[in-house]
PDB file of N, CA and C in Angstrom:
ATOM      1  N   MET A   1     -67.291  34.628 -14.631  1.00  0.00           N
ATOM      2  CA  MET A   1     -67.296  33.274 -14.131  1.00  0.00           C
ATOM      3  C   MET A   1     -66.903  32.293 -15.243  1.00  0.00           C
ATOM      4  N   VAL A   2     -67.459  32.484 -16.438  1.00  0.00           N
ATOM      5  CA  VAL A   2     -67.149  31.611 -17.574  1.00  0.00           C
ATOM      6  C   VAL A   2     -65.673  31.739 -17.925  1.00  0.00           C
ATOM      7  N   GLN A   3     -65.195  32.961 -17.886  1.00  0.00           N
ATOM      8  CA  GLN A   3     -63.781  33.180 -18.190  1.00  0.00           C
ATOM      9  C   GLN A   3     -62.906  32.471 -17.148  1.00  0.00           C
ATOM     10  N   HIS A   4     -63.283  32.533 -15.911  1.00  0.00           N
ATOM     11  CA  HIS A   4     -62.549  31.866 -14.838  1.00  0.00           C
ATOM     12  C   HIS A   4     -62.554  30.345 -15.045  1.00  0.00           C
ATOM     13  N   GLN A   5     -63.697  29.788 -15.415  1.00  0.00           N
ATOM     14  CA  GLN A   5     -63.792  28.337 -15.672  1.00  0.00           C
ATOM     15  C   GLN A   5     -62.946  27.951 -16.882  1.00  0.00           C
ATOM     16  N   THR A   6     -62.978  28.775 -17.897  1.00  0.00           N
ATOM     17  CA  THR A   6     -62.184  28.509 -19.102  1.00  0.00           C
ATOM     18  C   THR A   6     -60.693  28.519 -18.751  1.00  0.00           C
ATOM     19  N   GLN A   7     -60.311  29.518 -17.983  1.00  0.00           N
ATOM     20  CA  GLN A   7     -58.905  29.625 -17.590  1.00  0.00           C
ATOM     21  C   GLN A   7     -58.514  28.441 -16.704  1.00  0.00           C
ATOM     22  N   THR A   8     -59.372  28.029 -15.796  1.00  0.00           N
ATOM     23  CA  THR A   8     -59.101  26.883 -14.929  1.00  0.00           C
ATOM     24  C   THR A   8     -58.959  25.613 -15.756  1.00  0.00           C
ATOM     25  N   GLN A   9     -59.832  25.434 -16.730  1.00  0.00           N
ATOM     26  CA  GLN A   9     -59.747  24.251 -17.605  1.00  0.00           C
ATOM     27  C   GLN A   9     -58.441  24.273 -18.401  1.00  0.00           C
ATOM     28  N   GLU A  10     -58.043  25.448 -18.848  1.00  0.00           N
ATOM     29  CA  GLU A  10     -56.793  25.569 -19.605  1.00  0.00           C
ATOM     30  C   GLU A  10     -55.608  25.200 -18.712  1.00  0.00           C
ATOM     31  N   TRP A  11     -55.636  25.672 -17.467  1.00  0.00           N
ATOM     32  CA  TRP A  11     -54.564  25.322 -16.533  1.00  0.00           C
ATOM     33  C   TRP A  11     -54.541  23.816 -16.273  1.00  0.00           C
ATOM     34  N   ARG A  12     -55.698  23.234 -16.099  1.00  0.00           N
ATOM     35  CA  ARG A  12     -55.777  21.786 -15.872  1.00  0.00           C
ATOM     36  C   ARG A  12     -55.250  21.021 -17.085  1.00  0.00           C
ATOM     37  N   ARG A  13     -55.610  21.501 -18.279  1.00  0.00           N
ATOM     38  CA  ARG A  13     -55.125  20.847 -19.499  1.00  0.00           C
ATOM     39  C   ARG A  13     -53.604  20.945 -19.572  1.00  0.00           C
ATOM     40  N   ARG A  14     -53.047  22.143 -19.293  1.00  0.00           N
ATOM     41  CA  ARG A  14     -51.597  22.319 -19.318  1.00  0.00           C
ATOM     42  C   ARG A  14     -50.924  21.462 -18.238  1.00  0.00           C
ATOM     43  N   ASN A  15     -51.516  21.452 -17.052  1.00  0.00           N
ATOM     44  CA  ASN A  15     -50.967  20.620 -15.979  1.00  0.00           C
ATOM     45  C   ASN A  15     -50.982  19.152 -16.361  1.00  0.00           C
ATOM     46  N   ALA A  16     -52.080  18.693 -16.950  1.00  0.00           N
ATOM     47  CA  ALA A  16     -52.177  17.294 -17.383  1.00  0.00           C
ATOM     48  C   ALA A  16     -51.122  16.998 -18.441  1.00  0.00           C
ATOM     49  N   GLN A  17     -50.923  17.937 -19.359  1.00  0.00           N
ATOM     50  CA  GLN A  17     -49.907  17.746 -20.407  1.00  0.00           C
ATOM     51  C   GLN A  17     -48.518  17.730 -19.780  1.00  0.00           C
ATOM     52  N   THR A  18     -48.257  18.632 -18.844  1.00  0.00           N
ATOM     53  CA  THR A  18     -46.957  18.680 -18.168  1.00  0.00           C
ATOM     54  C   THR A  18     -46.708  17.388 -17.401  1.00  0.00           C
ATOM     55  N   ILE A  19     -47.718  16.916 -16.695  1.00  0.00           N
ATOM     56  CA  ILE A  19     -47.587  15.658 -15.952  1.00  0.00           C
ATOM     57  C   ILE A  19     -47.313  14.506 -16.904  1.00  0.00           C
ATOM     58  N   SER A  20     -48.009  14.468 -18.024  1.00  0.00           N
ATOM     59  CA  SER A  20     -47.795  13.409 -19.016  1.00  0.00           C
ATOM     60  C   SER A  20     -46.377  13.476 -19.579  1.00  0.00           C
ATOM     61  N   ASP A  21     -45.914  14.698 -19.889  1.00  0.00           N
ATOM     62  CA  ASP A  21     -44.547  14.854 -20.406  1.00  0.00           C
ATOM     63  C   ASP A  21     -43.513  14.404 -19.373  1.00  0.00           C
ATOM     64  N   LEU A  22     -43.742  14.787 -18.109  1.00  0.00           N
ATOM     65  CA  LEU A  22     -42.809  14.394 -17.049  1.00  0.00           C
ATOM     66  C   LEU A  22     -42.822  12.879 -16.828  1.00  0.00           C
ATOM     67  N   GLU A  23     -43.999  12.258 -16.897  1.00  0.00           N
ATOM     68  CA  GLU A  23     -44.073  10.799 -16.766  1.00  0.00           C
ATOM     69  C   GLU A  23     -43.316  10.123 -17.898  1.00  0.00           C
ATOM     70  N   ASP A  24     -43.468  10.650 -19.117  1.00  0.00           N
ATOM     71  CA  ASP A  24     -42.715  10.095 -20.253  1.00  0.00           C
ATOM     72  C   ASP A  24     -41.210  10.244 -20.034  1.00  0.00           C
ATOM     73  N   GLN A  25     -40.821  11.407 -19.523  1.00  0.00           N
ATOM     74  CA  GLN A  25     -39.399  11.651 -19.265  1.00  0.00           C
ATOM     75  C   GLN A  25     -38.880  10.704 -18.180  1.00  0.00           C
ATOM     76  N   VAL A  26     -39.647  10.500 -17.123  1.00  0.00           N
ATOM     77  CA  VAL A  26     -39.251   9.577 -16.056  1.00  0.00           C
ATOM     78  C   VAL A  26     -39.115   8.168 -16.618  1.00  0.00           C
ATOM     79  N   HIS A  27     -40.083   7.760 -17.444  1.00  0.00           N
ATOM     80  CA  HIS A  27     -40.022   6.421 -18.051  1.00  0.00           C
ATOM     81  C   HIS A  27     -38.761   6.281 -18.905  1.00  0.00           C
ATOM     82  N   SER A  28     -38.467   7.298 -19.693  1.00  0.00           N
ATOM     83  CA  SER A  28     -37.279   7.260 -20.549  1.00  0.00           C
ATOM     84  C   SER A  28     -36.004   7.201 -19.706  1.00  0.00           C
ATOM     85  N   LEU A  29     -35.946   7.995 -18.652  1.00  0.00           N
ATOM     86  CA  LEU A  29     -34.766   7.997 -17.775  1.00  0.00           C
ATOM     87  C   LEU A  29     -34.600   6.663 -17.060  1.00  0.00           C
ATOM     88  N   ARG A  30     -35.705   6.045 -16.683  1.00  0.00           N
ATOM     89  CA  ARG A  30     -35.613   4.724 -16.049  1.00  0.00           C
ATOM     90  C   ARG A  30     -35.048   3.699 -17.022  1.00  0.00           C
ATOM     91  N   LYS A  31     -35.468   3.775 -18.283  1.00  0.00           N
ATOM     92  CA  LYS A  31     -34.934   2.852 -19.291  1.00  0.00           C
ATOM     93  C   LYS A  31     -33.437   3.061 -19.467  1.00  0.00           C
ATOM     94  N   GLU A  32     -33.018   4.332 -19.524  1.00  0.00           N
ATOM     95  CA  GLU A  32     -31.587   4.625 -19.660  1.00  0.00           C
ATOM     96  C   GLU A  32     -30.814   4.117 -18.449  1.00  0.00           C
ATOM     97  N   LEU A  33     -31.373   4.342 -17.262  1.00  0.00           N
ATOM     98  CA  LEU A  33     -30.730   3.880 -16.039  1.00  0.00           C
ATOM     99  C   LEU A  33     -30.607   2.361 -16.018  1.00  0.00           C
ATOM    100  N   TRP A  34     -31.647   1.667 -16.419  1.00  0.00           N
ATOM    101  CA  TRP A  34     -31.611   0.207 -16.463  1.00  0.00           C
ATOM    102  C   TRP A  34     -30.551  -0.267 -17.452  1.00  0.00           C
ATOM    103  N   ALA A  35     -30.496   0.393 -18.618  1.00  0.00           N
ATOM    104  CA  ALA A  35     -29.499   0.006 -19.625  1.00  0.00           C
ATOM    105  C   ALA A  35     -28.083   0.245 -19.098  1.00  0.00           C
ATOM    106  N   ALA A  36     -27.868   1.393 -18.445  1.00  0.00           N
ATOM    107  CA  ALA A  36     -26.543   1.691 -17.897  1.00  0.00           C
ATOM    108  C   ALA A  36     -26.186   0.699 -16.796  1.00  0.00           C
ATOM    109  N   HIS A  37     -27.148   0.363 -15.958  1.00  0.00           N
ATOM    110  CA  HIS A  37     -26.908  -0.607 -14.889  1.00  0.00           C
ATOM    111  C   HIS A  37     -26.565  -1.983 -15.466  1.00  0.00           C
ATOM    112  N   SER A  38     -27.304  -2.394 -16.473  1.00  0.00           N
ATOM    113  CA  SER A  38     -27.030  -3.690 -17.107  1.00  0.00           C
ATOM    114  C   SER A  38     -25.643  -3.705 -17.724  1.00  0.00           C
ATOM    115  N   GLN A  39     -25.294  -2.604 -18.375  1.00  0.00           N
ATOM    116  CA  GLN A  39     -23.968  -2.529 -19.008  1.00  0.00           C
ATOM    117  C   GLN A  39     -22.874  -2.559 -17.941  1.00  0.00           C
ATOM    118  N   ARG A  40     -23.089  -1.851 -16.825  1.00  0.00           N
ATOM    119  CA  ARG A  40     -22.106  -1.825 -15.753  1.00  0.00           C
ATOM    120  C   ARG A  40     -21.926  -3.219 -15.152  1.00  0.00           C
ATOM    121  N   LYS A  41     -23.017  -3.972 -15.023  1.00  0.00           N
ATOM    122  CA  LYS A  41     -22.920  -5.327 -14.480  1.00  0.00           C
ATOM    123  C   LYS A  41     -22.234  -6.268 -15.469  1.00  0.00           C
ATOM    124  N   GLN A  42     -22.415  -6.007 -16.755  1.00  0.00           N
ATOM    125  CA  GLN A  42     -21.875  -6.895 -17.782  1.00  0.00           C
ATOM    126  C   GLN A  42     -20.380  -6.651 -18.003  1.00  0.00           C
ATOM    127  N   GLN A  43     -19.901  -5.439 -17.768  1.00  0.00           N
ATOM    128  CA  GLN A  43     -18.504  -5.116 -18.045  1.00  0.00           C
ATOM    129  C   GLN A  43     -17.515  -6.000 -17.289  1.00  0.00           C
ATOM    130  N   PRO A  44     -17.695  -6.245 -15.978  1.00  0.00           N
ATOM    131  CA  PRO A  44     -16.723  -7.128 -15.309  1.00  0.00           C
ATOM    132  C   PRO A  44     -16.684  -8.521 -15.931  1.00  0.00           C
ATOM    133  N   THR A  45     -17.833  -9.026 -16.334  1.00  0.00           N
ATOM    134  CA  THR A  45     -17.877 -10.348 -16.968  1.00  0.00           C
ATOM    135  C   THR A  45     -17.096 -10.323 -18.274  1.00  0.00           C
ATOM    136  N   GLU A  46     -17.305  -9.271 -19.064  1.00  0.00           N
ATOM    137  CA  GLU A  46     -16.588  -9.165 -20.336  1.00  0.00           C
ATOM    138  C   GLU A  46     -15.084  -9.028 -20.096  1.00  0.00           C
ATOM    139  N   LEU A  47     -14.708  -8.267 -19.065  1.00  0.00           N
ATOM    140  CA  LEU A  47     -13.287  -8.120 -18.758  1.00  0.00           C
ATOM    141  C   LEU A  47     -12.667  -9.452 -18.348  1.00  0.00           C
ATOM    142  N   CYS A  48     -13.399 -10.227 -17.579  1.00  0.00           N
ATOM    143  CA  CYS A  48     -12.900 -11.557 -17.189  1.00  0.00           C
ATOM    144  C   CYS A  48     -12.697 -12.437 -18.409  1.00  0.00           C
ATOM    145  N   VAL A  49     -13.646 -12.391 -19.323  1.00  0.00           N
ATOM    146  CA  VAL A  49     -13.533 -13.191 -20.548  1.00  0.00           C
ATOM    147  C   VAL A  49     -12.318 -12.739 -21.350  1.00  0.00           C
ATOM    148  N   LEU A  50     -12.135 -11.418 -21.478  1.00  0.00           N
ATOM    149  CA  LEU A  50     -10.980 -10.909 -22.222  1.00  0.00           C
ATOM    150  C   LEU A  50      -9.667 -11.308 -21.553  1.00  0.00           C
ATOM    151  N   ARG A  51      -9.615 -11.212 -20.228  1.00  0.00           N
ATOM    152  CA  ARG A  51      -8.393 -11.610 -19.525  1.00  0.00           C
ATOM    153  C   ARG A  51      -8.094 -13.090 -19.744  1.00  0.00           C
ATOM    154  N   GLU A  52      -9.139 -13.905 -19.680  1.00  0.00           N
ATOM    155  CA  GLU A  52      -8.950 -15.340 -19.888  1.00  0.00           C
ATOM    156  C   GLU A  52      -8.474 -15.610 -21.313  1.00  0.00           C
ATOM    157  N   GLU A  53      -9.039 -14.870 -22.276  1.00  0.00           N
ATOM    158  CA  GLU A  53      -8.603 -15.041 -23.666  1.00  0.00           C
ATOM    159  C   GLU A  53      -7.144 -14.620 -23.831  1.00  0.00           C
ATOM    160  N   GLU A  54      -6.724 -13.596 -23.070  1.00  0.00           N
ATOM    161  CA  GLU A  54      -5.326 -13.169 -23.132  1.00  0.00           C
ATOM    162  C   GLU A  54      -4.413 -14.179 -22.451  1.00  0.00           C
ATOM    163  N   ARG A  55      -4.896 -14.795 -21.375  1.00  0.00           N
ATOM    164  CA  ARG A  55      -4.084 -15.767 -20.634  1.00  0.00           C
ATOM    165  C   ARG A  55      -3.901 -17.067 -21.396  1.00  0.00           C
ATOM    166  N   GLN A  56      -4.902 -17.478 -22.146  1.00  0.00           N
ATOM    167  CA  GLN A  56      -4.840 -18.786 -22.806  1.00  0.00           C
ATOM    168  C   GLN A  56      -3.640 -18.911 -23.735  1.00  0.00           C
ATOM    169  N   PRO A  57      -3.407 -17.942 -24.633  1.00  0.00           N
ATOM    170  CA  PRO A  57      -2.223 -18.104 -25.490  1.00  0.00           C
ATOM    171  C   PRO A  57      -0.929 -18.155 -24.679  1.00  0.00           C
ATOM    172  N   ALA A  58      -0.841 -17.329 -23.637  1.00  0.00           N
ATOM    173  CA  ALA A  58       0.369 -17.340 -22.810  1.00  0.00           C
ATOM    174  C   ALA A  58       0.516 -18.685 -22.118  1.00  0.00           C
ATOM    175  N   SER A  59      -0.574 -19.213 -21.624  1.00  0.00           N
ATOM    176  CA  SER A  59      -0.543 -20.510 -20.961  1.00  0.00           C
ATOM    177  C   SER A  59      -0.186 -21.612 -21.956  1.00  0.00           C
ATOM    178  N   GLN A  60      -0.751 -21.524 -23.152  1.00  0.00           N
ATOM    179  CA  GLN A  60      -0.442 -22.520 -24.182  1.00  0.00           C
ATOM    180  C   GLN A  60       1.022 -22.437 -24.591  1.00  0.00           C
ATOM    181  N   ASP A  61       1.544 -21.206 -24.703  1.00  0.00           N
ATOM    182  CA  ASP A  61       2.961 -21.036 -25.043  1.00  0.00           C
ATOM    183  C   ASP A  61       3.842 -21.615 -23.942  1.00  0.00           C
ATOM    184  N   GLN A  62       3.454 -21.368 -22.698  1.00  0.00           N
ATOM    185  CA  GLN A  62       4.213 -21.896 -21.572  1.00  0.00           C
ATOM    186  C   GLN A  62       4.182 -23.424 -21.568  1.00  0.00           C
ATOM    187  N   GLN A  63       3.013 -23.999 -21.822  1.00  0.00           N
ATOM    188  CA  GLN A  63       2.893 -25.456 -21.856  1.00  0.00           C
ATOM    189  C   GLN A  63       3.728 -26.036 -22.997  1.00  0.00           C
ATOM    190  N   ALA A  64       3.714 -25.369 -24.145  1.00  0.00           N
ATOM    191  CA  ALA A  64       4.513 -25.846 -25.275  1.00  0.00           C
ATOM    192  C   ALA A  64       6.001 -25.795 -24.940  1.00  0.00           C
ATOM    193  N   ALA A  65       6.429 -24.727 -24.266  1.00  0.00           N
ATOM    194  CA  ALA A  65       7.838 -24.615 -23.872  1.00  0.00           C
ATOM    195  C   ALA A  65       8.204 -25.720 -22.879  1.00  0.00           C
ATOM    196  N   LEU A  66       7.306 -25.992 -21.936  1.00  0.00           N
ATOM    197  CA  LEU A  66       7.558 -27.076 -20.979  1.00  0.00           C
ATOM    198  C   LEU A  66       7.625 -28.421 -21.686  1.00  0.00           C
ATOM    199  N   ASP A  67       6.739 -28.655 -22.636  1.00  0.00           N
ATOM    200  CA  ASP A  67       6.761 -29.916 -23.384  1.00  0.00           C
ATOM    201  C   ASP A  67       8.069 -30.082 -24.149  1.00  0.00           C
ATOM    202  N   ARG A  68       8.537 -28.979 -24.774  1.00  0.00           N
ATOM    203  CA  ARG A  68       9.808 -29.049 -25.503  1.00  0.00           C
ATOM    204  C   ARG A  68      10.958 -29.343 -24.537  1.00  0.00           C
ATOM    205  N   LEU A  69      10.934 -28.691 -23.384  1.00  0.00           N
ATOM    206  CA  LEU A  69      11.981 -28.911 -22.393  1.00  0.00           C
ATOM    207  C   LEU A  69      11.965 -30.351 -21.885  1.00  0.00           C
ATOM    208  N   ARG A  70      10.788 -30.900 -21.639  1.00  0.00           N
ATOM    209  CA  ARG A  70      10.692 -32.301 -21.194  1.00  0.00           C
ATOM    210  C   ARG A  70      11.234 -33.243 -22.264  1.00  0.00           C
ATOM    211  N   ALA A  71      10.882 -32.985 -23.516  1.00  0.00           N
ATOM    212  CA  ALA A  71      11.371 -33.836 -24.601  1.00  0.00           C
ATOM    213  C   ALA A  71      12.893 -33.757 -24.698  1.00  0.00           C
ATOM    214  N   GLU A  72      13.402 -32.547 -24.538  1.00  0.00           N
ATOM    215  CA  GLU A  72      14.858 -32.367 -24.587  1.00  0.00           C
ATOM    216  C   GLU A  72      15.534 -33.088 -23.412  1.00  0.00           C
ATOM    217  N   MET A  73      14.924 -32.987 -22.231  1.00  0.00           N
ATOM    218  CA  MET A  73      15.479 -33.677 -21.057  1.00  0.00           C
ATOM    219  C   MET A  73      15.428 -35.187 -21.237  1.00  0.00           C
ATOM    220  N   ASP A  74      14.347 -35.707 -21.805  1.00  0.00           N
ATOM    221  CA  ASP A  74      14.249 -37.143 -22.070  1.00  0.00           C
ATOM    222  C   ASP A  74      15.346 -37.589 -23.030  1.00  0.00           C
ATOM    223  N   GLN A  75      15.588 -36.764 -24.050  1.00  0.00           N
ATOM    224  CA  GLN A  75      16.631 -37.108 -25.027  1.00  0.00           C
ATOM    225  C   GLN A  75      17.998 -37.130 -24.356  1.00  0.00           C
ATOM    226  N   VAL A  76      18.270 -36.140 -23.529  1.00  0.00           N
ATOM    227  CA  VAL A  76      19.553 -36.094 -22.816  1.00  0.00           C
ATOM    228  C   VAL A  76      19.663 -37.306 -21.893  1.00  0.00           C
ATOM    229  N   TRP A  77      18.580 -37.637 -21.207  1.00  0.00           N
ATOM    230  CA  TRP A  77      18.575 -38.787 -20.300  1.00  0.00           C
ATOM    231  C   TRP A  77      18.888 -40.085 -21.060  1.00  0.00           C
ATOM    232  N   GLN A  78      18.251 -40.263 -22.218  1.00  0.00           N
ATOM    233  CA  GLN A  78      18.499 -41.461 -23.025  1.00  0.00           C
ATOM    234  C   GLN A  78      19.947 -41.499 -23.503  1.00  0.00           C
ATOM    235  N   ASP A  79      20.467 -40.331 -23.906  1.00  0.00           N
ATOM    236  CA  ASP A  79      21.871 -40.271 -24.340  1.00  0.00           C
ATOM    237  C   ASP A  79      22.801 -40.649 -23.192  1.00  0.00           C
ATOM    238  N   LEU A  80      22.491 -40.152 -21.995  1.00  0.00           N
ATOM    239  CA  LEU A  80      23.320 -40.489 -20.833  1.00  0.00           C
ATOM    240  C   LEU A  80      23.235 -41.973 -20.498  1.00  0.00           C
ATOM    241  N   GLU A  81      22.067 -42.556 -20.596  1.00  0.00           N
ATOM    242  CA  GLU A  81      21.927 -43.994 -20.329  1.00  0.00           C
ATOM    243  C   GLU A  81      22.723 -44.819 -21.336  1.00  0.00           C
ATOM    244  N   ARG A  82      22.649 -44.415 -22.604  1.00  0.00           N
ATOM    245  CA  ARG A  82      23.421 -45.138 -23.632  1.00  0.00           C
ATOM    246  C   ARG A  82      24.921 -45.028 -23.367  1.00  0.00           C
ATOM    247  N   THR A  83      25.342 -43.812 -23.036  1.00  0.00           N
ATOM    248  CA  THR A  83      26.765 -43.592 -22.764  1.00  0.00           C
ATOM    249  C   THR A  83      27.201 -44.416 -21.554  1.00  0.00           C
ATOM    250  N   HIS A  84      26.375 -44.422 -20.541  1.00  0.00           N
ATOM    251  CA  HIS A  84      26.687 -45.184 -19.331  1.00  0.00           C
ATOM    252  C   HIS A  84      26.776 -46.681 -19.657  1.00  0.00           C
ATOM    253  N   LYS A  85      25.823 -47.157 -20.435  1.00  0.00           N
ATOM    254  CA  LYS A  85      25.817 -48.575 -20.792  1.00  0.00           C
ATOM    255  C   LYS A  85      27.078 -48.937 -21.568  1.00  0.00           C
ATOM    256  N   VAL A  86      27.432 -48.107 -22.534  1.00  0.00           N
ATOM    257  CA  VAL A  86      28.635 -48.374 -23.335  1.00  0.00           C
ATOM    258  C   VAL A  86      29.868 -48.347 -22.455  1.00  0.00           C
ATOM    259  N   GLU A  87      29.966 -47.354 -21.578  1.00  0.00           N
ATOM    260  CA  GLU A  87      31.131 -47.253 -20.705  1.00  0.00           C
ATOM    261  C   GLU A  87      31.184 -48.423 -19.723  1.00  0.00           C
ATOM    262  N   SER A  88      30.011 -48.844 -19.255  1.00  0.00           N
ATOM    263  CA  SER A  88      29.981 -50.005 -18.344  1.00  0.00           C
ATOM    264  C   SER A  88      30.456 -51.253 -19.069  1.00  0.00           C
ATOM    265  N   GLU A  89      30.021 -51.460 -20.298  1.00  0.00           N
ATOM    266  CA  GLU A  89      30.450 -52.631 -21.069  1.00  0.00           C
ATOM    267  C   GLU A  89      31.945 -52.576 -21.327  1.00  0.00           C
ATOM    268  N   LEU A  90      32.459 -51.376 -21.650  1.00  0.00           N
ATOM    269  CA  LEU A  90      33.911 -51.263 -21.888  1.00  0.00           C
ATOM    270  C   LEU A  90      34.688 -51.542 -20.593  1.00  0.00           C
ATOM    271  N   ALA A  91      34.164 -51.093 -19.496  1.00  0.00           N
ATOM    272  CA  ALA A  91      34.839 -51.318 -18.199  1.00  0.00           C
ATOM    273  C   ALA A  91      34.849 -52.813 -17.880  1.00  0.00           C
ATOM    274  N   GLN A  92      33.737 -53.512 -18.153  1.00  0.00           N
ATOM    275  CA  GLN A  92      33.672 -54.944 -17.879  1.00  0.00           C
ATOM    276  C   GLN A  92      34.635 -55.692 -18.796  1.00  0.00           C
ATOM    277  N   GLU A  93      34.740 -55.247 -20.035  1.00  0.00           N
ATOM    278  CA  GLU A  93      35.670 -55.922 -20.960  1.00  0.00           C
ATOM    279  C   GLU A  93      37.103 -55.756 -20.483  1.00  0.00           C
ATOM    280  N   LYS A  94      37.430 -54.577 -19.958  1.00  0.00           N
ATOM    281  CA  LYS A  94      38.799 -54.344 -19.471  1.00  0.00           C
ATOM    282  C   LYS A  94      39.088 -55.207 -18.241  1.00  0.00           C
ATOM    283  N   VAL A  95      38.065 -55.404 -17.404  1.00  0.00           N
ATOM    284  CA  VAL A  95      38.233 -56.209 -16.212  1.00  0.00           C
ATOM    285  C   VAL A  95      38.409 -57.675 -16.610  1.00  0.00           C
ATOM    286  N   CYS A  96      37.667 -58.100 -17.570  1.00  0.00           N
ATOM    287  CA  CYS A  96      37.707 -59.498 -18.008  1.00  0.00           C
ATOM    288  C   CYS A  96      38.997 -59.816 -18.769  1.00  0.00           C
ATOM    289  N   VAL A  97      39.560 -58.867 -19.361  1.00  0.00           N
ATOM    290  CA  VAL A  97      40.737 -59.131 -20.178  1.00  0.00           C
ATOM    291  C   VAL A  97      41.950 -59.290 -19.393  1.00  0.00           C
TER     292      VAL A  97
END
């Protein structure tokens, strides 16, 4: 009977240890799962930020090119106005003469 009780206590001790080990393992796996889930949720946000960072220089380059083109068009427009004014004055002088 004593041997049976001793063996039963040993089994209970081993079972308690096994349960404790399994609970620790479950806790550890839950932490890993939470970390993986958090990382998975964060990745799209990081990708959006990276895409935006990649777009900004391209957008800035495009804006700079447009600004240069506008300045060039303004210069051509001013040159055409000057030429027109000069030609108009010459035409009026020829008419008056």
